[in-house]
Amino acid sequence: LETADAVLDAEAISDVDTTGAEALRQVEAQLTAAGRRLVVA
């Protein structure tokens, strides 16, 4: 599977707790390791 850059549509997200932040950090790290990026809309 080829990894692509990711766009997170955050319109419906009103809060992020520490667990959510850690999950997002893991996704960001995996994308970065693959030479990709995560952007937020």
Full PDB file with SEQRES, HELIX, SHEET, SSBOND, CRYST1, ORIGX, SCALE, CONECT and MASTER records, all heavy atoms in Angstrom:
SEQRES   1 A   41  LEU GLU THR ALA ASP ALA VAL LEU ASP ALA GLU ALA ILE          
SEQRES   2 A   41  SER ASP VAL ASP THR THR GLY ALA GLU ALA LEU ARG GLN          
SEQRES   3 A   41  VAL GLU ALA GLN LEU THR ALA ALA GLY ARG ARG LEU VAL          
SEQRES   4 A   41  VAL ALA                                                      
HELIX    1 AA1 THR A   18  ALA A   33  1                                  16    
SHEET    1 AA1 2 ALA A   6  LEU A   8  0                                        
SHEET    2 AA1 2 LEU A  38  VAL A  40  1                                        
CRYST1    1.000    1.000    1.000  90.00  90.00  90.00 P 1           1          
ORIGX1      1.000000  0.000000  0.000000        0.00000                         
ORIGX2      0.000000  1.000000  0.000000        0.00000                         
ORIGX3      0.000000  0.000000  1.000000        0.00000                         
SCALE1      1.000000  0.000000  0.000000        0.00000                         
SCALE2      0.000000  1.000000  0.000000        0.00000                         
SCALE3      0.000000  0.000000  1.000000        0.00000                         
ATOM      1  N   LEU A   1       0.840  -1.188   0.000  1.00  0.00           N  
ATOM      2  CA  LEU A   1       0.000   0.000   0.000  1.00  0.00           C  
ATOM      3  C   LEU A   1       0.877   1.241   0.000  1.00  0.00           C  
ATOM      4  O   LEU A   1       1.773   1.397   0.822  1.00  0.00           O  
ATOM      5  CB  LEU A   1      -0.894   0.002   1.232  1.00  0.00           C  
ATOM      6  CG  LEU A   1      -1.826   1.188   1.413  1.00  0.00           C  
ATOM      7  CD1 LEU A   1      -2.832   1.231   0.271  1.00  0.00           C  
ATOM      8  CD2 LEU A   1      -2.547   1.086   2.735  1.00  0.00           C  
ATOM      9  N   GLU A   2       0.620   2.129  -0.949  1.00  0.00           N  
ATOM     10  CA  GLU A   2       1.368   3.380  -1.005  1.00  0.00           C  
ATOM     11  C   GLU A   2       0.701   4.402  -0.088  1.00  0.00           C  
ATOM     12  O   GLU A   2      -0.504   4.607  -0.140  1.00  0.00           O  
ATOM     13  CB  GLU A   2       1.396   3.919  -2.431  1.00  0.00           C  
ATOM     14  CG  GLU A   2       2.235   5.165  -2.558  1.00  0.00           C  
ATOM     15  CD  GLU A   2       2.360   5.634  -3.987  1.00  0.00           C  
ATOM     16  OE1 GLU A   2       2.415   4.800  -4.891  1.00  0.00           O  
ATOM     17  OE2 GLU A   2       2.389   6.851  -4.189  1.00  0.00           O  
ATOM     18  N   THR A   3       1.484   5.034   0.751  1.00  0.00           N  
ATOM     19  CA  THR A   3       0.974   6.032   1.681  1.00  0.00           C  
ATOM     20  C   THR A   3       0.919   7.381   0.994  1.00  0.00           C  
ATOM     21  O   THR A   3       1.836   7.767   0.289  1.00  0.00           O  
ATOM     22  CB  THR A   3       1.880   6.134   2.921  1.00  0.00           C  
ATOM     23  OG1 THR A   3       1.997   4.850   3.500  1.00  0.00           O  
ATOM     24  CG2 THR A   3       1.312   7.085   3.939  1.00  0.00           C  
ATOM     25  N   ALA A   4      -0.171   8.097   1.215  1.00  0.00           N  
ATOM     26  CA  ALA A   4      -0.342   9.433   0.651  1.00  0.00           C  
ATOM     27  C   ALA A   4      -0.413  10.455   1.770  1.00  0.00           C  
ATOM     28  O   ALA A   4      -0.597  10.104   2.934  1.00  0.00           O  
ATOM     29  CB  ALA A   4      -1.622   9.480  -0.178  1.00  0.00           C  
ATOM     30  N   ASP A   5      -0.256  11.718   1.409  1.00  0.00           N  
ATOM     31  CA  ASP A   5      -0.501  12.782   2.384  1.00  0.00           C  
ATOM     32  C   ASP A   5      -1.947  12.680   2.843  1.00  0.00           C  
ATOM     33  O   ASP A   5      -2.791  12.148   2.134  1.00  0.00           O  
ATOM     34  CB  ASP A   5      -0.269  14.152   1.752  1.00  0.00           C  
ATOM     35  CG  ASP A   5       1.192  14.405   1.430  1.00  0.00           C  
ATOM     36  OD1 ASP A   5       2.051  13.631   1.861  1.00  0.00           O  
ATOM     37  OD2 ASP A   5       1.469  15.396   0.732  1.00  0.00           O  
ATOM     38  N   ALA A   6      -2.238  13.188   4.029  1.00  0.00           N  
ATOM     39  CA  ALA A   6      -3.586  13.083   4.582  1.00  0.00           C  
ATOM     40  C   ALA A   6      -4.129  14.452   4.939  1.00  0.00           C  
ATOM     41  O   ALA A   6      -3.411  15.305   5.456  1.00  0.00           O  
ATOM     42  CB  ALA A   6      -3.568  12.192   5.824  1.00  0.00           C  
ATOM     43  N   VAL A   7      -5.424  14.642   4.667  1.00  0.00           N  
ATOM     44  CA  VAL A   7      -6.138  15.854   5.047  1.00  0.00           C  
ATOM     45  C   VAL A   7      -7.148  15.461   6.121  1.00  0.00           C  
ATOM     46  O   VAL A   7      -7.981  14.590   5.908  1.00  0.00           O  
ATOM     47  CB  VAL A   7      -6.878  16.486   3.849  1.00  0.00           C  
ATOM     48  CG1 VAL A   7      -7.706  17.682   4.301  1.00  0.00           C  
ATOM     49  CG2 VAL A   7      -5.899  16.888   2.758  1.00  0.00           C  
ATOM     50  N   LEU A   8      -7.056  16.087   7.272  1.00  0.00           N  
ATOM     51  CA  LEU A   8      -8.005  15.873   8.353  1.00  0.00           C  
ATOM     52  C   LEU A   8      -9.037  16.994   8.310  1.00  0.00           C  
ATOM     53  O   LEU A   8      -8.713  18.155   8.556  1.00  0.00           O  
ATOM     54  CB  LEU A   8      -7.297  15.873   9.712  1.00  0.00           C  
ATOM     55  CG  LEU A   8      -8.203  15.817  10.951  1.00  0.00           C  
ATOM     56  CD1 LEU A   8      -8.996  14.514  10.973  1.00  0.00           C  
ATOM     57  CD2 LEU A   8      -7.373  15.964  12.215  1.00  0.00           C  
ATOM     58  N   ASP A   9     -10.285  16.649   7.961  1.00  0.00           N  
ATOM     59  CA  ASP A   9     -11.379  17.618   7.977  1.00  0.00           C  
ATOM     60  C   ASP A   9     -11.847  17.724   9.417  1.00  0.00           C  
ATOM     61  O   ASP A   9     -12.521  16.851   9.940  1.00  0.00           O  
ATOM     62  CB  ASP A   9     -12.515  17.159   7.070  1.00  0.00           C  
ATOM     63  CG  ASP A   9     -13.672  18.146   7.029  1.00  0.00           C  
ATOM     64  OD1 ASP A   9     -13.661  19.136   7.800  1.00  0.00           O  
ATOM     65  OD2 ASP A   9     -14.589  17.926   6.225  1.00  0.00           O  
ATOM     66  N   ALA A  10     -11.466  18.809  10.073  1.00  0.00           N  
ATOM     67  CA  ALA A  10     -11.675  18.947  11.517  1.00  0.00           C  
ATOM     68  C   ALA A  10     -12.899  19.776  11.875  1.00  0.00           C  
ATOM     69  O   ALA A  10     -13.076  20.143  13.028  1.00  0.00           O  
ATOM     70  CB  ALA A  10     -10.424  19.568  12.142  1.00  0.00           C  
ATOM     71  N   GLU A  11     -13.770  20.035  10.915  1.00  0.00           N  
ATOM     72  CA  GLU A  11     -14.924  20.894  11.178  1.00  0.00           C  
ATOM     73  C   GLU A  11     -15.769  20.394  12.353  1.00  0.00           C  
ATOM     74  O   GLU A  11     -16.244  21.185  13.162  1.00  0.00           O  
ATOM     75  CB  GLU A  11     -15.812  21.003   9.940  1.00  0.00           C  
ATOM     76  CG  GLU A  11     -17.013  21.898  10.166  1.00  0.00           C  
ATOM     77  CD  GLU A  11     -17.905  21.995   8.960  1.00  0.00           C  
ATOM     78  OE1 GLU A  11     -18.115  20.983   8.274  1.00  0.00           O  
ATOM     79  OE2 GLU A  11     -18.387  23.114   8.706  1.00  0.00           O  
ATOM     80  N   ALA A  12     -15.964  19.094  12.486  1.00  0.00           N  
ATOM     81  CA  ALA A  12     -16.832  18.543  13.536  1.00  0.00           C  
ATOM     82  C   ALA A  12     -16.091  18.253  14.840  1.00  0.00           C  
ATOM     83  O   ALA A  12     -16.699  17.787  15.799  1.00  0.00           O  
ATOM     84  CB  ALA A  12     -17.517  17.282  13.036  1.00  0.00           C  
ATOM     85  N   ILE A  13     -14.797  18.516  14.889  1.00  0.00           N  
ATOM     86  CA  ILE A  13     -14.018  18.240  16.099  1.00  0.00           C  
ATOM     87  C   ILE A  13     -14.046  19.474  16.999  1.00  0.00           C  
ATOM     88  O   ILE A  13     -13.587  20.543  16.607  1.00  0.00           O  
ATOM     89  CB  ILE A  13     -12.560  17.869  15.760  1.00  0.00           C  
ATOM     90  CG1 ILE A  13     -12.517  16.645  14.863  1.00  0.00           C  
ATOM     91  CG2 ILE A  13     -11.767  17.627  17.040  1.00  0.00           C  
ATOM     92  CD1 ILE A  13     -11.138  16.314  14.321  1.00  0.00           C  
ATOM     93  N   SER A  14     -14.596  19.305  18.196  1.00  0.00           N  
ATOM     94  CA  SER A  14     -14.681  20.443  19.105  1.00  0.00           C  
ATOM     95  C   SER A  14     -13.715  20.337  20.276  1.00  0.00           C  
ATOM     96  O   SER A  14     -13.468  21.322  20.968  1.00  0.00           O  
ATOM     97  CB  SER A  14     -16.110  20.581  19.640  1.00  0.00           C  
ATOM     98  OG  SER A  14     -16.482  19.415  20.343  1.00  0.00           O  
ATOM     99  N   ASP A  15     -13.168  19.144  20.501  1.00  0.00           N  
ATOM    100  CA  ASP A  15     -12.285  18.952  21.641  1.00  0.00           C  
ATOM    101  C   ASP A  15     -11.308  17.820  21.340  1.00  0.00           C  
ATOM    102  O   ASP A  15     -11.641  16.897  20.586  1.00  0.00           O  
ATOM    103  CB  ASP A  15     -13.096  18.609  22.897  1.00  0.00           C  
ATOM    104  CG  ASP A  15     -12.266  18.659  24.169  1.00  0.00           C  
ATOM    105  OD1 ASP A  15     -11.228  19.354  24.188  1.00  0.00           O  
ATOM    106  OD2 ASP A  15     -12.657  18.008  25.144  1.00  0.00           O  
ATOM    107  N   VAL A  16     -10.127  17.908  21.907  1.00  0.00           N  
ATOM    108  CA  VAL A  16      -9.122  16.849  21.817  1.00  0.00           C  
ATOM    109  C   VAL A  16      -8.566  16.649  23.213  1.00  0.00           C  
ATOM    110  O   VAL A  16      -8.048  17.585  23.820  1.00  0.00           O  
ATOM    111  CB  VAL A  16      -7.980  17.221  20.845  1.00  0.00           C  
ATOM    112  CG1 VAL A  16      -6.909  16.139  20.839  1.00  0.00           C  
ATOM    113  CG2 VAL A  16      -8.504  17.464  19.442  1.00  0.00           C  
ATOM    114  N   ASP A  17      -8.702  15.419  23.732  1.00  0.00           N  
ATOM    115  CA  ASP A  17      -8.111  15.123  25.036  1.00  0.00           C  
ATOM    116  C   ASP A  17      -6.733  14.519  24.831  1.00  0.00           C  
ATOM    117  O   ASP A  17      -6.257  14.401  23.703  1.00  0.00           O  
ATOM    118  CB  ASP A  17      -9.033  14.212  25.859  1.00  0.00           C  
ATOM    119  CG  ASP A  17      -9.274  12.855  25.220  1.00  0.00           C  
ATOM    120  OD1 ASP A  17      -8.586  12.497  24.227  1.00  0.00           O  
ATOM    121  OD2 ASP A  17     -10.154  12.126  25.703  1.00  0.00           O  
ATOM    122  N   THR A  18      -6.071  14.154  25.902  1.00  0.00           N  
ATOM    123  CA  THR A  18      -4.701  13.652  25.783  1.00  0.00           C  
ATOM    124  C   THR A  18      -4.633  12.347  24.984  1.00  0.00           C  
ATOM    125  O   THR A  18      -3.677  12.134  24.245  1.00  0.00           O  
ATOM    126  CB  THR A  18      -4.059  13.437  27.169  1.00  0.00           C  
ATOM    127  OG1 THR A  18      -4.890  12.573  27.945  1.00  0.00           O  
ATOM    128  CG2 THR A  18      -3.865  14.750  27.889  1.00  0.00           C  
ATOM    129  N   THR A  19      -5.665  11.504  25.106  1.00  0.00           N  
ATOM    130  CA  THR A  19      -5.691  10.254  24.338  1.00  0.00           C  
ATOM    131  C   THR A  19      -5.829  10.547  22.849  1.00  0.00           C  
ATOM    132  O   THR A  19      -5.135   9.949  22.015  1.00  0.00           O  
ATOM    133  CB  THR A  19      -6.843   9.348  24.811  1.00  0.00           C  
ATOM    134  OG1 THR A  19      -6.684   9.095  26.206  1.00  0.00           O  
ATOM    135  CG2 THR A  19      -6.865   8.033  24.061  1.00  0.00           C  
ATOM    136  N   GLY A  20      -6.702  11.476  22.508  1.00  0.00           N  
ATOM    137  CA  GLY A  20      -6.873  11.866  21.117  1.00  0.00           C  
ATOM    138  C   GLY A  20      -5.616  12.511  20.555  1.00  0.00           C  
ATOM    139  O   GLY A  20      -5.241  12.267  19.404  1.00  0.00           O  
ATOM    140  N   ALA A  21      -4.968  13.327  21.359  1.00  0.00           N  
ATOM    141  CA  ALA A  21      -3.729  13.973  20.918  1.00  0.00           C  
ATOM    142  C   ALA A  21      -2.646  12.932  20.660  1.00  0.00           C  
ATOM    143  O   ALA A  21      -1.904  13.035  19.677  1.00  0.00           O  
ATOM    144  CB  ALA A  21      -3.260  14.985  21.952  1.00  0.00           C  
ATOM    145  N   GLU A  22      -2.567  11.924  21.509  1.00  0.00           N  
ATOM    146  CA  GLU A  22      -1.564  10.870  21.316  1.00  0.00           C  
ATOM    147  C   GLU A  22      -1.852  10.075  20.042  1.00  0.00           C  
ATOM    148  O   GLU A  22      -0.938   9.744  19.286  1.00  0.00           O  
ATOM    149  CB  GLU A  22      -1.514   9.938  22.522  1.00  0.00           C  
ATOM    150  CG  GLU A  22      -0.475   8.839  22.409  1.00  0.00           C  
ATOM    151  CD  GLU A  22       0.943   9.323  22.157  1.00  0.00           C  
ATOM    152  OE1 GLU A  22       1.315  10.413  22.628  1.00  0.00           O  
ATOM    153  OE2 GLU A  22       1.703   8.605  21.464  1.00  0.00           O  
ATOM    154  N   ALA A  23      -3.117   9.769  19.784  1.00  0.00           N  
ATOM    155  CA  ALA A  23      -3.483   9.049  18.559  1.00  0.00           C  
ATOM    156  C   ALA A  23      -3.127   9.871  17.324  1.00  0.00           C  
ATOM    157  O   ALA A  23      -2.571   9.345  16.353  1.00  0.00           O  
ATOM    158  CB  ALA A  23      -4.969   8.706  18.579  1.00  0.00           C  
ATOM    159  N   LEU A  24      -3.433  11.161  17.369  1.00  0.00           N  
ATOM    160  CA  LEU A  24      -3.099  12.038  16.252  1.00  0.00           C  
ATOM    161  C   LEU A  24      -1.589  12.137  16.069  1.00  0.00           C  
ATOM    162  O   LEU A  24      -1.084  12.131  14.953  1.00  0.00           O  
ATOM    163  CB  LEU A  24      -3.708  13.423  16.482  1.00  0.00           C  
ATOM    164  CG  LEU A  24      -3.615  14.413  15.333  1.00  0.00           C  
ATOM    165  CD1 LEU A  24      -4.286  13.880  14.076  1.00  0.00           C  
ATOM    166  CD2 LEU A  24      -4.241  15.745  15.745  1.00  0.00           C  
ATOM    167  N   ARG A  25      -0.864  12.179  17.171  1.00  0.00           N  
ATOM    168  CA  ARG A  25       0.595  12.224  17.108  1.00  0.00           C  
ATOM    169  C   ARG A  25       1.161  10.959  16.448  1.00  0.00           C  
ATOM    170  O   ARG A  25       2.103  11.012  15.669  1.00  0.00           O  
ATOM    171  CB  ARG A  25       1.183  12.408  18.502  1.00  0.00           C  
ATOM    172  CG  ARG A  25       2.653  12.784  18.484  1.00  0.00           C  
ATOM    173  CD  ARG A  25       3.194  13.265  19.803  1.00  0.00           C  
ATOM    174  NE  ARG A  25       2.409  14.265  20.502  1.00  0.00           N  
ATOM    175  CZ  ARG A  25       2.303  15.551  20.160  1.00  0.00           C  
ATOM    176  NH1 ARG A  25       2.919  15.996  19.076  1.00  0.00           N  
ATOM    177  NH2 ARG A  25       1.590  16.395  20.876  1.00  0.00           N  
ATOM    178  N   GLN A  26       0.560   9.797  16.744  1.00  0.00           N  
ATOM    179  CA  GLN A  26       1.015   8.541  16.131  1.00  0.00           C  
ATOM    180  C   GLN A  26       0.768   8.543  14.622  1.00  0.00           C  
ATOM    181  O   GLN A  26       1.635   8.113  13.854  1.00  0.00           O  
ATOM    182  CB  GLN A  26       0.320   7.353  16.788  1.00  0.00           C  
ATOM    183  CG  GLN A  26       0.792   7.086  18.194  1.00  0.00           C  
ATOM    184  CD  GLN A  26       0.022   5.974  18.879  1.00  0.00           C  
ATOM    185  OE1 GLN A  26      -0.741   5.245  18.260  1.00  0.00           O  
ATOM    186  NE2 GLN A  26       0.228   5.843  20.179  1.00  0.00           N  
ATOM    187  N   VAL A  27      -0.393   9.030  14.207  1.00  0.00           N  
ATOM    188  CA  VAL A  27      -0.692   9.120  12.774  1.00  0.00           C  
ATOM    189  C   VAL A  27       0.293  10.062  12.098  1.00  0.00           C  
ATOM    190  O   VAL A  27       0.855   9.748  11.041  1.00  0.00           O  
ATOM    191  CB  VAL A  27      -2.147   9.589  12.545  1.00  0.00           C  
ATOM    192  CG1 VAL A  27      -2.392   9.941  11.084  1.00  0.00           C  
ATOM    193  CG2 VAL A  27      -3.129   8.538  13.028  1.00  0.00           C  
ATOM    194  N   GLU A  28       0.518  11.212  12.715  1.00  0.00           N  
ATOM    195  CA  GLU A  28       1.462  12.186  12.156  1.00  0.00           C  
ATOM    196  C   GLU A  28       2.867  11.572  12.043  1.00  0.00           C  
ATOM    197  O   GLU A  28       3.547  11.736  11.029  1.00  0.00           O  
ATOM    198  CB  GLU A  28       1.494  13.444  13.013  1.00  0.00           C  
ATOM    199  CG  GLU A  28       2.434  14.505  12.481  1.00  0.00           C  
ATOM    200  CD  GLU A  28       2.556  15.699  13.407  1.00  0.00           C  
ATOM    201  OE1 GLU A  28       2.403  15.550  14.631  1.00  0.00           O  
ATOM    202  OE2 GLU A  28       2.835  16.783  12.883  1.00  0.00           O  
ATOM    203  N   ALA A  29       3.289  10.843  13.058  1.00  0.00           N  
ATOM    204  CA  ALA A  29       4.622  10.218  13.044  1.00  0.00           C  
ATOM    205  C   ALA A  29       4.731   9.168  11.941  1.00  0.00           C  
ATOM    206  O   ALA A  29       5.767   9.084  11.263  1.00  0.00           O  
ATOM    207  CB  ALA A  29       4.924   9.600  14.404  1.00  0.00           C  
ATOM    208  N   GLN A  30       3.686   8.373  11.764  1.00  0.00           N  
ATOM    209  CA  GLN A  30       3.705   7.358  10.705  1.00  0.00           C  
ATOM    210  C   GLN A  30       3.775   8.002   9.326  1.00  0.00           C  
ATOM    211  O   GLN A  30       4.510   7.536   8.453  1.00  0.00           O  
ATOM    212  CB  GLN A  30       2.481   6.458  10.813  1.00  0.00           C  
ATOM    213  CG  GLN A  30       2.520   5.544  12.017  1.00  0.00           C  
ATOM    214  CD  GLN A  30       1.223   4.784  12.212  1.00  0.00           C  
ATOM    215  OE1 GLN A  30       0.231   4.999  11.528  1.00  0.00           O  
ATOM    216  NE2 GLN A  30       1.223   3.872  13.181  1.00  0.00           N  
ATOM    217  N   LEU A  31       3.004   9.067   9.128  1.00  0.00           N  
ATOM    218  CA  LEU A  31       3.052   9.761   7.846  1.00  0.00           C  
ATOM    219  C   LEU A  31       4.423  10.393   7.615  1.00  0.00           C  
ATOM    220  O   LEU A  31       4.983  10.298   6.525  1.00  0.00           O  
ATOM    221  CB  LEU A  31       1.955  10.832   7.784  1.00  0.00           C  
ATOM    222  CG  LEU A  31       0.539  10.299   7.622  1.00  0.00           C  
ATOM    223  CD1 LEU A  31      -0.481  11.400   7.906  1.00  0.00           C  
ATOM    224  CD2 LEU A  31       0.329   9.724   6.235  1.00  0.00           C  
ATOM    225  N   THR A  32       4.960  11.032   8.645  1.00  0.00           N  
ATOM    226  CA  THR A  32       6.271  11.663   8.534  1.00  0.00           C  
ATOM    227  C   THR A  32       7.349  10.629   8.211  1.00  0.00           C  
ATOM    228  O   THR A  32       8.212  10.867   7.362  1.00  0.00           O  
ATOM    229  CB  THR A  32       6.618  12.420   9.829  1.00  0.00           C  
ATOM    230  OG1 THR A  32       5.630  13.424  10.046  1.00  0.00           O  
ATOM    231  CG2 THR A  32       7.989  13.070   9.746  1.00  0.00           C  
ATOM    232  N   ALA A  33       7.280   9.473   8.856  1.00  0.00           N  
ATOM    233  CA  ALA A  33       8.260   8.411   8.604  1.00  0.00           C  
ATOM    234  C   ALA A  33       8.184   7.915   7.162  1.00  0.00           C  
ATOM    235  O   ALA A  33       9.188   7.460   6.604  1.00  0.00           O  
ATOM    236  CB  ALA A  33       8.037   7.252   9.579  1.00  0.00           C  
ATOM    237  N   ALA A  34       6.991   8.027   6.566  1.00  0.00           N  
ATOM    238  CA  ALA A  34       6.807   7.610   5.181  1.00  0.00           C  
ATOM    239  C   ALA A  34       7.066   8.754   4.196  1.00  0.00           C  
ATOM    240  O   ALA A  34       6.830   8.609   3.000  1.00  0.00           O  
ATOM    241  CB  ALA A  34       5.391   7.076   4.989  1.00  0.00           C  
ATOM    242  N   GLY A  35       7.551   9.891   4.726  1.00  0.00           N  
ATOM    243  CA  GLY A  35       7.830  11.035   3.868  1.00  0.00           C  
ATOM    244  C   GLY A  35       6.580  11.793   3.463  1.00  0.00           C  
ATOM    245  O   GLY A  35       6.576  12.489   2.455  1.00  0.00           O  
ATOM    246  N   ARG A  36       5.530  11.646   4.244  1.00  0.00           N  
ATOM    247  CA  ARG A  36       4.245  12.289   3.955  1.00  0.00           C  
ATOM    248  C   ARG A  36       3.891  13.265   5.051  1.00  0.00           C  
ATOM    249  O   ARG A  36       4.589  13.380   6.042  1.00  0.00           O  
ATOM    250  CB  ARG A  36       3.140  11.235   3.818  1.00  0.00           C  
ATOM    251  CG  ARG A  36       3.408  10.208   2.753  1.00  0.00           C  
ATOM    252  CD  ARG A  36       3.577  10.869   1.413  1.00  0.00           C  
ATOM    253  NE  ARG A  36       3.788   9.868   0.375  1.00  0.00           N  
ATOM    254  CZ  ARG A  36       3.774  10.134  -0.904  1.00  0.00           C  
ATOM    255  NH1 ARG A  36       3.589  11.370  -1.312  1.00  0.00           N  
ATOM    256  NH2 ARG A  36       3.967   9.193  -1.783  1.00  0.00           N  
ATOM    257  N   ARG A  37       2.777  13.950   4.895  1.00  0.00           N  
ATOM    258  CA  ARG A  37       2.394  14.931   5.899  1.00  0.00           C  
ATOM    259  C   ARG A  37       0.901  14.873   6.172  1.00  0.00           C  
ATOM    260  O   ARG A  37       0.126  14.374   5.373  1.00  0.00           O  
ATOM    261  CB  ARG A  37       2.783  16.336   5.479  1.00  0.00           C  
ATOM    262  CG  ARG A  37       2.075  16.811   4.238  1.00  0.00           C  
ATOM    263  CD  ARG A  37       2.668  18.117   3.722  1.00  0.00           C  
ATOM    264  NE  ARG A  37       2.069  18.402   2.427  1.00  0.00           N  
ATOM    265  CZ  ARG A  37       1.445  19.515   2.126  1.00  0.00           C  
ATOM    266  NH1 ARG A  37       1.356  20.478   3.015  1.00  0.00           N  
ATOM    267  NH2 ARG A  37       0.924  19.695   0.945  1.00  0.00           N  
ATOM    268  N   LEU A  38       0.533  15.411   7.314  1.00  0.00           N  
ATOM    269  CA  LEU A  38      -0.851  15.544   7.736  1.00  0.00           C  
ATOM    270  C   LEU A  38      -1.175  17.025   7.762  1.00  0.00           C  
ATOM    271  O   LEU A  38      -0.441  17.808   8.372  1.00  0.00           O  
ATOM    272  CB  LEU A  38      -1.037  14.943   9.133  1.00  0.00           C  
ATOM    273  CG  LEU A  38      -2.398  15.122   9.793  1.00  0.00           C  
ATOM    274  CD1 LEU A  38      -3.482  14.380   9.009  1.00  0.00           C  
ATOM    275  CD2 LEU A  38      -2.350  14.621  11.232  1.00  0.00           C  
ATOM    276  N   VAL A  39      -2.240  17.410   7.068  1.00  0.00           N  
ATOM    277  CA  VAL A  39      -2.697  18.804   7.108  1.00  0.00           C  
ATOM    278  C   VAL A  39      -4.118  18.825   7.645  1.00  0.00           C  
ATOM    279  O   VAL A  39      -4.837  17.837   7.573  1.00  0.00           O  
ATOM    280  CB  VAL A  39      -2.610  19.498   5.728  1.00  0.00           C  
ATOM    281  CG1 VAL A  39      -1.178  19.529   5.226  1.00  0.00           C  
ATOM    282  CG2 VAL A  39      -3.526  18.843   4.715  1.00  0.00           C  
ATOM    283  N   VAL A  40      -4.519  19.954   8.206  1.00  0.00           N  
ATOM    284  CA  VAL A  40      -5.822  20.085   8.840  1.00  0.00           C  
ATOM    285  C   VAL A  40      -6.648  21.121   8.082  1.00  0.00           C  
ATOM    286  O   VAL A  40      -6.145  22.191   7.747  1.00  0.00           O  
ATOM    287  CB  VAL A  40      -5.668  20.522  10.317  1.00  0.00           C  
ATOM    288  CG1 VAL A  40      -7.027  20.706  10.970  1.00  0.00           C  
ATOM    289  CG2 VAL A  40      -4.843  19.511  11.081  1.00  0.00           C  
ATOM    290  N   ALA A  41      -7.905  20.775   7.829  1.00  0.00           N  
ATOM    291  CA  ALA A  41      -8.826  21.691   7.168  1.00  0.00           C  
ATOM    292  C   ALA A  41      -9.999  22.003   8.088  1.00  0.00           C  
ATOM    293  O   ALA A  41     -10.458  21.143   8.845  1.00  0.00           O  
ATOM    294  CB  ALA A  41      -9.352  21.073   5.868  1.00  0.00           C  
TER     295      ALA A  41                                                      
MASTER        0    0    0    1    2    0    0    6  294    1    0    4          
END                                                                             
